[in-house]
Amino acid sequence: MVDRSGLKALPQATQQLILQLNELFVEFVGPIGWDLSHDIFMRCAPEAKFGPAAIRRYVNELSDQLENVADKRTFLQRAEKLLLQ
């Protein structure tokens, strides 16, 4: 189950982007990724301020959870495509 409590104050488009990034992250780490992404999001989004710099930081912090270099590179490439949509 996705915890969307931290997303409520964000614009709809930003909420959707974060959910897409979380889904991508879960593809690499499995279901525990939902909990990890929630914890990382809560650290990256103090007081619901989540602009472009915070989104980049969020992506980088998610990628830091990936130990496999190839997985990390692939995750970052796919995340970049989501950010450019």
N, C-alpha and C. Protein backbone atom coordinates (compact mmCIF):
# COMPACT_ATOMS: atom_id res chain seq x y z
N MET A 1 0.84 -1.19 0.00
CA MET A 1 0.00 0.00 0.00
C MET A 1 0.88 1.25 0.00
N VAL A 2 0.51 2.21 -0.77
CA VAL A 2 1.27 3.44 -0.89
C VAL A 2 0.77 4.45 0.14
N ASP A 3 1.68 4.98 0.94
CA ASP A 3 1.32 6.01 1.91
C ASP A 3 1.43 7.36 1.20
N ARG A 4 0.30 7.98 1.00
CA ARG A 4 0.28 9.27 0.29
C ARG A 4 0.13 10.46 1.23
N SER A 5 0.25 10.23 2.53
CA SER A 5 0.03 11.30 3.49
C SER A 5 0.97 12.48 3.29
N GLY A 6 2.22 12.22 2.94
CA GLY A 6 3.17 13.30 2.74
C GLY A 6 2.99 14.03 1.43
N LEU A 7 2.20 13.47 0.54
CA LEU A 7 2.01 14.05 -0.79
C LEU A 7 0.85 15.04 -0.86
N LYS A 8 -0.03 15.00 0.09
CA LYS A 8 -1.29 15.76 0.01
C LYS A 8 -1.12 17.25 -0.26
N ALA A 9 -0.07 17.84 0.28
CA ALA A 9 0.10 19.29 0.14
C ALA A 9 0.75 19.68 -1.19
N LEU A 10 1.18 18.69 -1.97
CA LEU A 10 1.87 18.97 -3.22
C LEU A 10 0.89 19.11 -4.38
N PRO A 11 1.28 19.83 -5.43
CA PRO A 11 0.44 19.90 -6.63
C PRO A 11 0.24 18.49 -7.21
N GLN A 12 -0.86 18.29 -7.89
CA GLN A 12 -1.22 16.98 -8.44
C GLN A 12 -0.12 16.43 -9.34
N ALA A 13 0.46 17.26 -10.19
CA ALA A 13 1.50 16.79 -11.11
C ALA A 13 2.73 16.30 -10.34
N THR A 14 3.08 16.99 -9.27
CA THR A 14 4.22 16.57 -8.44
C THR A 14 3.90 15.27 -7.72
N GLN A 15 2.69 15.15 -7.23
CA GLN A 15 2.28 13.90 -6.57
C GLN A 15 2.43 12.73 -7.54
N GLN A 16 1.97 12.92 -8.76
CA GLN A 16 2.04 11.86 -9.76
C GLN A 16 3.49 11.50 -10.07
N LEU A 17 4.36 12.49 -10.19
CA LEU A 17 5.76 12.24 -10.46
C LEU A 17 6.40 11.44 -9.33
N ILE A 18 6.13 11.82 -8.10
CA ILE A 18 6.70 11.11 -6.95
C ILE A 18 6.21 9.66 -6.93
N LEU A 19 4.94 9.44 -7.21
CA LEU A 19 4.41 8.08 -7.25
C LEU A 19 5.09 7.26 -8.36
N GLN A 20 5.32 7.88 -9.51
CA GLN A 20 6.01 7.18 -10.61
C GLN A 20 7.45 6.84 -10.22
N LEU A 21 8.13 7.76 -9.55
CA LEU A 21 9.49 7.49 -9.10
C LEU A 21 9.50 6.38 -8.06
N ASN A 22 8.52 6.39 -7.18
CA ASN A 22 8.43 5.33 -6.17
C ASN A 22 8.20 3.97 -6.83
N GLU A 23 7.31 3.92 -7.81
CA GLU A 23 7.05 2.66 -8.53
C GLU A 23 8.32 2.17 -9.22
N LEU A 24 9.06 3.07 -9.82
CA LEU A 24 10.32 2.71 -10.45
C LEU A 24 11.29 2.14 -9.41
N PHE A 25 11.41 2.80 -8.29
CA PHE A 25 12.30 2.35 -7.23
C PHE A 25 11.93 0.95 -6.76
N VAL A 26 10.63 0.70 -6.60
CA VAL A 26 10.16 -0.61 -6.15
C VAL A 26 10.53 -1.70 -7.16
N GLU A 27 10.60 -1.36 -8.42
CA GLU A 27 11.02 -2.34 -9.44
C GLU A 27 12.43 -2.86 -9.14
N PHE A 28 13.26 -2.03 -8.54
CA PHE A 28 14.64 -2.40 -8.26
C PHE A 28 14.85 -3.05 -6.90
N VAL A 29 14.06 -2.67 -5.91
CA VAL A 29 14.31 -3.18 -4.55
C VAL A 29 13.20 -4.08 -4.01
N GLY A 30 12.09 -4.14 -4.72
CA GLY A 30 10.99 -4.96 -4.25
C GLY A 30 10.06 -4.16 -3.34
N PRO A 31 9.09 -4.85 -2.72
CA PRO A 31 8.06 -4.18 -1.93
C PRO A 31 8.57 -3.32 -0.78
N ILE A 32 9.74 -3.63 -0.24
CA ILE A 32 10.30 -2.80 0.83
C ILE A 32 10.55 -1.38 0.33
N GLY A 33 10.61 -1.23 -0.99
CA GLY A 33 10.83 0.08 -1.58
C GLY A 33 9.77 1.10 -1.23
N TRP A 34 8.53 0.62 -0.98
CA TRP A 34 7.47 1.56 -0.59
C TRP A 34 7.81 2.22 0.73
N ASP A 35 8.27 1.42 1.70
CA ASP A 35 8.63 1.98 3.00
C ASP A 35 9.88 2.86 2.90
N LEU A 36 10.88 2.38 2.17
CA LEU A 36 12.10 3.17 2.01
C LEU A 36 11.82 4.50 1.33
N SER A 37 11.04 4.46 0.26
CA SER A 37 10.75 5.70 -0.48
C SER A 37 9.96 6.67 0.39
N HIS A 38 9.05 6.15 1.21
CA HIS A 38 8.29 7.03 2.10
C HIS A 38 9.23 7.72 3.09
N ASP A 39 10.13 6.96 3.71
CA ASP A 39 11.07 7.54 4.67
C ASP A 39 11.96 8.59 4.01
N ILE A 40 12.45 8.28 2.82
CA ILE A 40 13.31 9.23 2.11
C ILE A 40 12.52 10.47 1.71
N PHE A 41 11.29 10.28 1.25
CA PHE A 41 10.45 11.42 0.87
C PHE A 41 10.25 12.35 2.07
N MET A 42 9.97 11.77 3.22
CA MET A 42 9.70 12.59 4.41
C MET A 42 10.95 13.40 4.80
N ARG A 43 12.13 12.87 4.55
CA ARG A 43 13.37 13.61 4.82
C ARG A 43 13.60 14.71 3.78
N CYS A 44 13.20 14.46 2.54
CA CYS A 44 13.46 15.40 1.44
C CYS A 44 12.40 16.49 1.32
N ALA A 45 11.27 16.33 1.95
CA ALA A 45 10.16 17.26 1.77
C ALA A 45 9.75 17.92 3.08
N PRO A 46 10.64 18.69 3.68
CA PRO A 46 10.24 19.36 4.92
C PRO A 46 9.16 20.40 4.64
N GLU A 47 8.13 20.35 5.43
CA GLU A 47 7.05 21.35 5.36
C GLU A 47 6.45 21.47 3.96
N ALA A 48 6.36 20.36 3.26
CA ALA A 48 5.71 20.28 1.94
C ALA A 48 6.36 21.15 0.87
N LYS A 49 7.61 21.54 1.07
CA LYS A 49 8.33 22.29 0.04
C LYS A 49 9.06 21.27 -0.81
N PHE A 50 8.61 21.11 -2.04
CA PHE A 50 9.17 20.06 -2.88
C PHE A 50 9.26 20.54 -4.31
N GLY A 51 10.25 21.39 -4.56
CA GLY A 51 10.47 21.91 -5.90
C GLY A 51 11.45 21.05 -6.68
N PRO A 52 11.92 21.54 -7.82
CA PRO A 52 12.82 20.78 -8.68
C PRO A 52 14.09 20.29 -7.98
N ALA A 53 14.70 21.12 -7.15
CA ALA A 53 15.92 20.71 -6.46
C ALA A 53 15.64 19.57 -5.48
N ALA A 54 14.52 19.64 -4.79
CA ALA A 54 14.16 18.58 -3.86
C ALA A 54 13.84 17.28 -4.60
N ILE A 55 13.25 17.38 -5.76
CA ILE A 55 12.95 16.18 -6.55
C ILE A 55 14.25 15.52 -6.99
N ARG A 56 15.22 16.30 -7.44
CA ARG A 56 16.53 15.76 -7.82
C ARG A 56 17.21 15.09 -6.62
N ARG A 57 17.14 15.76 -5.49
CA ARG A 57 17.73 15.20 -4.27
C ARG A 57 17.04 13.88 -3.91
N TYR A 58 15.73 13.84 -4.06
CA TYR A 58 14.96 12.64 -3.78
C TYR A 58 15.41 11.49 -4.68
N VAL A 59 15.54 11.75 -5.96
CA VAL A 59 15.98 10.72 -6.91
C VAL A 59 17.38 10.23 -6.52
N ASN A 60 18.27 11.14 -6.19
CA ASN A 60 19.63 10.75 -5.81
C ASN A 60 19.64 9.93 -4.52
N GLU A 61 18.81 10.30 -3.57
CA GLU A 61 18.75 9.54 -2.32
C GLU A 61 18.15 8.15 -2.55
N LEU A 62 17.17 8.06 -3.43
CA LEU A 62 16.64 6.73 -3.78
C LEU A 62 17.75 5.90 -4.42
N SER A 63 18.48 6.48 -5.35
CA SER A 63 19.53 5.73 -6.05
C SER A 63 20.64 5.31 -5.09
N ASP A 64 20.87 6.07 -4.04
CA ASP A 64 21.89 5.70 -3.06
C ASP A 64 21.56 4.40 -2.34
N GLN A 65 20.30 4.00 -2.38
CA GLN A 65 19.88 2.74 -1.75
C GLN A 65 20.24 1.52 -2.59
N LEU A 66 20.61 1.75 -3.84
CA LEU A 66 20.92 0.65 -4.75
C LEU A 66 22.41 0.35 -4.70
N GLU A 67 22.75 -0.86 -4.34
CA GLU A 67 24.16 -1.25 -4.21
C GLU A 67 24.78 -1.61 -5.55
N ASN A 68 24.01 -2.20 -6.43
CA ASN A 68 24.52 -2.63 -7.73
C ASN A 68 24.69 -1.40 -8.63
N VAL A 69 25.90 -1.21 -9.13
CA VAL A 69 26.22 -0.03 -9.94
C VAL A 69 25.37 0.01 -11.21
N ALA A 70 25.19 -1.13 -11.85
CA ALA A 70 24.38 -1.17 -13.08
C ALA A 70 22.93 -0.82 -12.78
N ASP A 71 22.40 -1.33 -11.67
CA ASP A 71 21.03 -0.99 -11.28
C ASP A 71 20.90 0.50 -10.99
N LYS A 72 21.89 1.04 -10.31
CA LYS A 72 21.87 2.46 -9.98
C LYS A 72 21.86 3.30 -11.25
N ARG A 73 22.71 2.94 -12.20
CA ARG A 73 22.79 3.68 -13.46
C ARG A 73 21.46 3.60 -14.22
N THR A 74 20.90 2.39 -14.28
CA THR A 74 19.63 2.21 -14.98
C THR A 74 18.51 2.97 -14.30
N PHE A 75 18.48 2.91 -12.97
CA PHE A 75 17.46 3.65 -12.22
C PHE A 75 17.56 5.14 -12.53
N LEU A 76 18.76 5.69 -12.47
CA LEU A 76 18.93 7.12 -12.72
C LEU A 76 18.54 7.50 -14.15
N GLN A 77 18.86 6.65 -15.12
CA GLN A 77 18.48 6.93 -16.50
C GLN A 77 16.96 6.94 -16.66
N ARG A 78 16.31 5.96 -16.08
CA ARG A 78 14.85 5.88 -16.19
C ARG A 78 14.18 7.00 -15.39
N ALA A 79 14.75 7.36 -14.25
CA ALA A 79 14.20 8.47 -13.47
C ALA A 79 14.33 9.78 -14.25
N GLU A 80 15.44 9.95 -14.92
CA GLU A 80 15.65 11.16 -15.72
C GLU A 80 14.58 11.28 -16.80
N LYS A 81 14.23 10.17 -17.42
CA LYS A 81 13.18 10.19 -18.44
C LYS A 81 11.85 10.63 -17.82
N LEU A 82 11.56 10.16 -16.62
CA LEU A 82 10.32 10.59 -15.94
C LEU A 82 10.36 12.09 -15.66
N LEU A 83 11.51 12.58 -15.25
CA LEU A 83 11.63 14.01 -14.91
C LEU A 83 11.48 14.89 -16.14
N LEU A 84 11.83 14.37 -17.30
CA LEU A 84 11.77 15.16 -18.53
C LEU A 84 10.43 15.11 -19.24
N GLN A 85 9.51 14.30 -18.75
CA GLN A 85 8.19 14.19 -19.38
C GLN A 85 7.41 15.48 -19.22
